[in-house]
Amino acid sequence: MPVELARPDRSKAPLVLYDTRSHQLDEETRVGQNGFVSATIKGDVLTLDYRDIDDISLLVEAFSPNADGTLKHQFQDPGVLRPPP
């Protein structure tokens, strides 16, 4: 499914990073990259692995509980995604 190209609107969603890449669908149409996320739970750690349609890693987030009940968040950013303007 084609992904519309548009600048993100920070008033609609609190985006930190987004994918600026695109490719030519046909002679007249340029579209954004499709992707997916894999969720894995191991013990008390939830890992979200965001990948594009070519299986390139875009971002990996890990969430786990701290002893005081707060949430610990870690991420690995390979540098593909960009902050919104």
C-alpha atoms as a PDB file:
ATOM      1  CA  MET A   1       0.000   0.000   0.000  1.00  0.00           C
ATOM      2  CA  PRO A   2       1.476   3.397  -0.960  1.00  0.00           C
ATOM      3  CA  VAL A   3       2.404   5.780   1.844  1.00  0.00           C
ATOM      4  CA  GLU A   4       1.512   9.435   1.286  1.00  0.00           C
ATOM      5  CA  LEU A   5       4.419  11.875   1.425  1.00  0.00           C
ATOM      6  CA  ALA A   6       3.751  14.796   3.749  1.00  0.00           C
ATOM      7  CA  ARG A   7       5.510  16.763   6.445  1.00  0.00           C
ATOM      8  CA  PRO A   8       4.440  15.531   9.874  1.00  0.00           C
ATOM      9  CA  ASP A   9       2.198  17.773  11.939  1.00  0.00           C
ATOM     10  CA  ARG A  10       3.501  17.794  15.530  1.00  0.00           C
ATOM     11  CA  SER A  11       0.174  19.174  16.769  1.00  0.00           C
ATOM     12  CA  LYS A  12      -1.510  15.899  15.750  1.00  0.00           C
ATOM     13  CA  ALA A  13       1.073  13.496  17.183  1.00  0.00           C
ATOM     14  CA  PRO A  14       4.117  13.894  19.459  1.00  0.00           C
ATOM     15  CA  LEU A  15       6.605  12.572  16.892  1.00  0.00           C
ATOM     16  CA  VAL A  16      10.258  12.318  17.794  1.00  0.00           C
ATOM     17  CA  LEU A  17      11.498  10.648  14.572  1.00  0.00           C
ATOM     18  CA  TYR A  18      10.031   9.869  11.155  1.00  0.00           C
ATOM     19  CA  ASP A  19      11.112   8.309   7.847  1.00  0.00           C
ATOM     20  CA  THR A  20      11.878  10.874   5.143  1.00  0.00           C
ATOM     21  CA  ARG A  21      12.790   8.290   2.488  1.00  0.00           C
ATOM     22  CA  SER A  22      10.697   7.775  -0.635  1.00  0.00           C
ATOM     23  CA  HIS A  23      10.712   5.855  -3.887  1.00  0.00           C
ATOM     24  CA  GLN A  24       9.118   6.118  -7.319  1.00  0.00           C
ATOM     25  CA  LEU A  25       5.917   4.044  -7.610  1.00  0.00           C
ATOM     26  CA  ASP A  26       5.408   4.863 -11.296  1.00  0.00           C
ATOM     27  CA  GLU A  27       6.336   7.713 -13.638  1.00  0.00           C
ATOM     28  CA  GLU A  28       4.007  10.158 -11.883  1.00  0.00           C
ATOM     29  CA  THR A  29       3.894   8.988  -8.284  1.00  0.00           C
ATOM     30  CA  ARG A  30       6.465   9.203  -5.510  1.00  0.00           C
ATOM     31  CA  VAL A  31       5.569   7.438  -2.237  1.00  0.00           C
ATOM     32  CA  GLY A  32       7.030   6.878   1.221  1.00  0.00           C
ATOM     33  CA  GLN A  33       8.483   3.653   2.603  1.00  0.00           C
ATOM     34  CA  ASN A  34       6.274   0.953   4.117  1.00  0.00           C
ATOM     35  CA  GLY A  35       7.353  -0.784   7.276  1.00  0.00           C
ATOM     36  CA  PHE A  36       6.381  -2.962  10.191  1.00  0.00           C
ATOM     37  CA  VAL A  37       7.157  -3.510  13.857  1.00  0.00           C
ATOM     38  CA  SER A  38       7.963  -6.783  15.595  1.00  0.00           C
ATOM     39  CA  ALA A  39       7.124  -7.015  19.290  1.00  0.00           C
ATOM     40  CA  THR A  40       9.022  -9.452  21.517  1.00  0.00           C
ATOM     41  CA  ILE A  41       8.525 -10.130  25.208  1.00  0.00           C
ATOM     42  CA  LYS A  42      11.342 -11.834  27.127  1.00  0.00           C
ATOM     43  CA  GLY A  43      10.860 -11.951  30.861  1.00  0.00           C
ATOM     44  CA  ASP A  44       9.924  -8.440  31.914  1.00  0.00           C
ATOM     45  CA  VAL A  45      11.307  -6.714  28.780  1.00  0.00           C
ATOM     46  CA  LEU A  46       9.152  -5.631  25.824  1.00  0.00           C
ATOM     47  CA  THR A  47      11.208  -4.967  22.680  1.00  0.00           C
ATOM     48  CA  LEU A  48       9.797  -3.172  19.627  1.00  0.00           C
ATOM     49  CA  ASP A  49      11.858  -3.566  16.446  1.00  0.00           C
ATOM     50  CA  TYR A  50      10.770  -1.152  13.688  1.00  0.00           C
ATOM     51  CA  ARG A  51      11.838  -2.208  10.173  1.00  0.00           C
ATOM     52  CA  ASP A  52      11.154  -1.072   6.641  1.00  0.00           C
ATOM     53  CA  ILE A  53       9.799  -3.233   3.816  1.00  0.00           C
ATOM     54  CA  ASP A  54      13.395  -4.228   2.921  1.00  0.00           C
ATOM     55  CA  ASP A  55      13.912  -5.468   6.512  1.00  0.00           C
ATOM     56  CA  ILE A  56      16.309  -2.630   7.365  1.00  0.00           C
ATOM     57  CA  SER A  57      16.270  -1.769  11.080  1.00  0.00           C
ATOM     58  CA  LEU A  58      14.956   1.747  11.697  1.00  0.00           C
ATOM     59  CA  LEU A  59      14.690   1.821  15.483  1.00  0.00           C
ATOM     60  CA  VAL A  60      14.690  -0.645  18.380  1.00  0.00           C
ATOM     61  CA  GLU A  61      12.990   0.271  21.651  1.00  0.00           C
ATOM     62  CA  ALA A  62      13.058  -1.707  24.900  1.00  0.00           C
ATOM     63  CA  PHE A  63      10.733  -1.170  27.860  1.00  0.00           C
ATOM     64  CA  SER A  64      11.109  -2.726  31.312  1.00  0.00           C
ATOM     65  CA  PRO A  65       9.838  -1.955  34.812  1.00  0.00           C
ATOM     66  CA  ASN A  66      12.011  -0.274  37.413  1.00  0.00           C
ATOM     67  CA  ALA A  67      11.827  -1.414  41.046  1.00  0.00           C
ATOM     68  CA  ASP A  68       9.744   1.673  41.946  1.00  0.00           C
ATOM     69  CA  GLY A  69       7.092   0.847  39.315  1.00  0.00           C
ATOM     70  CA  THR A  70       8.201   3.413  36.754  1.00  0.00           C
ATOM     71  CA  LEU A  71       9.053   2.400  33.196  1.00  0.00           C
ATOM     72  CA  LYS A  72      12.609   2.215  31.869  1.00  0.00           C
ATOM     73  CA  HIS A  73      12.950   3.069  28.153  1.00  0.00           C
ATOM     74  CA  GLN A  74      16.018   2.413  26.016  1.00  0.00           C
ATOM     75  CA  PHE A  75      16.432   2.726  22.263  1.00  0.00           C
ATOM     76  CA  GLN A  76      18.931   2.055  19.515  1.00  0.00           C
ATOM     77  CA  ASP A  77      18.767   4.470  16.593  1.00  0.00           C
ATOM     78  CA  PRO A  78      20.822   3.388  13.546  1.00  0.00           C
ATOM     79  CA  GLY A  79      20.350   6.893  12.068  1.00  0.00           C
ATOM     80  CA  VAL A  80      17.840   6.195   9.277  1.00  0.00           C
ATOM     81  CA  LEU A  81      14.983   8.197  10.793  1.00  0.00           C
ATOM     82  CA  ARG A  82      15.015  11.981  11.186  1.00  0.00           C
ATOM     83  CA  PRO A  83      13.432  14.421  13.656  1.00  0.00           C
ATOM     84  CA  PRO A  84      10.401  16.283  12.284  1.00  0.00           C
ATOM     85  CA  PRO A  85      10.946  19.843  11.087  1.00  0.00           C
END
